[in-house]
Protein backbone atom coordinates (compact mmCIF):
# COMPACT_ATOMS: atom_id res chain seq x y z
CA UNK A 1 86.83 90.63 156.08
CA UNK A 2 87.05 91.88 152.46
CA UNK A 3 84.67 94.48 151.19
CA UNK A 4 83.45 94.35 147.62
CA UNK A 5 83.69 97.43 145.50
CA UNK A 6 81.53 98.13 142.50
CA UNK A 7 83.42 98.37 139.22
CA UNK A 8 82.08 100.49 136.41
CA UNK A 9 81.66 98.11 133.48
CA UNK A 10 79.72 100.40 131.17
CA UNK A 11 81.44 100.52 127.79
CA UNK A 12 82.74 103.89 126.74
CA UNK A 13 81.84 104.94 123.22
CA UNK A 14 84.63 104.40 120.71
CA UNK A 15 85.41 107.44 118.66
CA UNK A 16 88.63 107.24 116.69
CA UNK A 17 90.63 110.32 115.93
CA UNK A 18 89.87 111.63 112.44
CA UNK A 19 92.40 110.96 109.70
CA UNK A 20 94.59 114.02 109.24
CA UNK A 21 95.30 115.60 105.87
CA UNK A 22 98.93 114.49 106.18
CA UNK A 23 97.79 110.90 106.73
CA UNK A 24 95.35 111.33 103.85
CA UNK A 25 98.22 112.34 101.59
CA UNK A 26 100.07 109.18 102.55
CA UNK A 27 96.92 107.14 101.91
CA UNK A 28 96.56 108.74 98.49
CA UNK A 29 100.17 107.94 97.56
CA UNK A 30 99.69 104.36 98.76
CA UNK A 31 96.47 104.11 96.74
CA UNK A 32 98.33 105.21 93.59
CA UNK A 33 100.73 102.30 94.09
CA UNK A 34 97.81 99.97 94.73
CA UNK A 35 95.99 101.11 91.59
CA UNK A 36 99.15 100.38 89.61
CA UNK A 37 99.36 96.87 91.09
CA UNK A 38 95.68 96.28 90.35
CA UNK A 39 96.28 97.41 86.78
CA UNK A 40 93.41 99.88 86.70
CA UNK A 41 93.03 102.95 84.52
CA UNK A 42 93.04 106.56 85.67
CA UNK A 43 89.34 106.66 84.79
CA UNK A 44 88.63 103.76 87.14
CA UNK A 45 90.84 105.26 89.86
CA UNK A 46 88.94 108.55 89.56
CA UNK A 47 85.66 106.68 90.17
CA UNK A 48 87.13 104.87 93.20
CA UNK A 49 88.36 108.15 94.68
CA UNK A 50 85.19 109.99 93.62
CA UNK A 51 86.88 112.85 91.86
CA UNK A 52 86.87 114.25 88.35
CA UNK A 53 89.41 112.58 86.08
CA UNK A 54 91.24 115.85 85.52
CA UNK A 55 91.61 116.41 89.28
CA UNK A 56 92.77 112.82 89.82
CA UNK A 57 95.45 113.20 87.15
CA UNK A 58 96.61 116.53 88.59
CA UNK A 59 96.83 115.06 92.10
CA UNK A 60 98.62 112.02 90.70
CA UNK A 61 101.23 114.27 89.09
CA UNK A 62 101.53 117.03 91.70
CA UNK A 63 100.33 115.50 94.97
CA UNK A 64 96.92 115.63 96.58
CA UNK A 65 95.05 118.71 97.60
CA UNK A 66 92.58 118.82 100.49
CA UNK A 67 90.90 115.44 100.84
CA UNK A 68 87.25 115.35 101.95
CA UNK A 69 85.95 113.11 104.73
CA UNK A 70 84.36 110.89 102.09
CA UNK A 71 87.67 110.75 100.21
CA UNK A 72 89.53 109.81 103.38
CA UNK A 73 86.98 107.07 104.08
CA UNK A 74 87.36 105.75 100.53
CA UNK A 75 91.15 105.66 100.79
CA UNK A 76 90.99 104.01 104.21
CA UNK A 77 88.65 101.30 102.93
CA UNK A 78 90.84 100.68 99.87
CA UNK A 79 93.82 100.16 102.19
CA UNK A 80 91.66 97.82 104.30
CA UNK A 81 90.92 95.80 101.16
CA UNK A 82 94.63 95.64 100.37
CA UNK A 83 95.43 94.54 103.92
CA UNK A 84 92.79 91.81 103.87
CA UNK A 85 94.08 90.49 100.54
CA UNK A 86 97.64 90.40 101.88
CA UNK A 87 96.40 88.36 104.86
CA UNK A 88 94.33 85.97 102.73
CA UNK A 89 96.92 85.37 99.99
CA UNK A 90 100.52 84.49 100.77
CA UNK A 91 101.52 85.45 97.23
CA UNK A 92 100.81 89.19 96.79
CA UNK A 93 100.15 88.87 93.04
CA UNK A 94 97.21 86.55 93.72
CA UNK A 95 95.62 89.29 95.80
CA UNK A 96 96.21 91.89 93.10
CA UNK A 97 94.69 89.57 90.49
CA UNK A 98 91.71 88.71 92.75
CA UNK A 99 90.34 92.25 92.39
CA UNK A 100 89.53 91.69 88.70
CA UNK A 101 88.50 88.02 88.94
CA UNK A 102 84.84 87.06 88.82
CA UNK A 103 83.40 86.12 92.17
CA UNK A 104 80.21 84.21 93.06
CA UNK A 105 79.91 86.33 96.21
CA UNK A 106 79.28 89.30 93.91
CA UNK A 107 76.92 87.43 91.55
CA UNK A 108 79.71 86.75 89.06
CA UNK A 109 81.03 90.31 89.03
CA UNK A 110 84.57 91.14 90.09
CA UNK A 111 85.35 93.13 93.21
CA UNK A 112 86.52 95.94 90.95
CA UNK A 113 83.18 95.98 89.11
CA UNK A 114 81.39 96.24 92.46
CA UNK A 115 83.63 99.07 93.64
CA UNK A 116 83.18 100.92 90.34
CA UNK A 117 79.53 101.39 91.29
CA UNK A 118 80.96 104.67 92.53
CA UNK A 119 79.51 104.77 96.04
CA UNK A 120 81.53 104.53 99.24
CA UNK A 121 79.22 101.69 100.23
CA UNK A 122 80.33 99.72 97.14
CA UNK A 123 83.93 99.83 98.36
CA UNK A 124 82.78 99.00 101.89
CA UNK A 125 80.85 95.97 100.59
CA UNK A 126 84.06 94.48 99.19
CA UNK A 127 85.96 95.29 102.37
CA UNK A 128 83.30 93.69 104.59
CA UNK A 129 83.32 90.57 102.42
CA UNK A 130 87.11 90.25 102.66
CA UNK A 131 87.12 90.95 106.40
CA UNK A 132 84.61 88.13 106.89
CA UNK A 133 86.67 85.79 104.69
CA UNK A 134 89.87 86.46 106.61
CA UNK A 135 88.17 86.03 109.96
CA UNK A 136 87.21 89.58 110.87
CA UNK A 137 89.33 91.34 113.39
């Protein structure tokens, strides 16, 4: 005779490890390459990274300093946008061009115009849209 045993099925809370400063530096360098591919100005890149233009240019030339939690979240979401575009478009250039193209999902604005609203949530809005378009997870 087999006895049944109770199995704990309660989900454990998910809490990812925070992004380290070393990983943040790599994200920043990757974002510089992405900004170049998107063809955006230093002024626009400074808005996306939420830093003064002078600081952005110094970091661009000399390497990043300490990146805030908000900055790390911004960089992470920008890389998520890049990843989603690479999944959606087989030709990378189409994904790079998509960022500046008008889009009915954003009431005729481009994804870049939405992200240049300056808030982290503006970048997240574009990422959520792309994640839903590519099929989520």
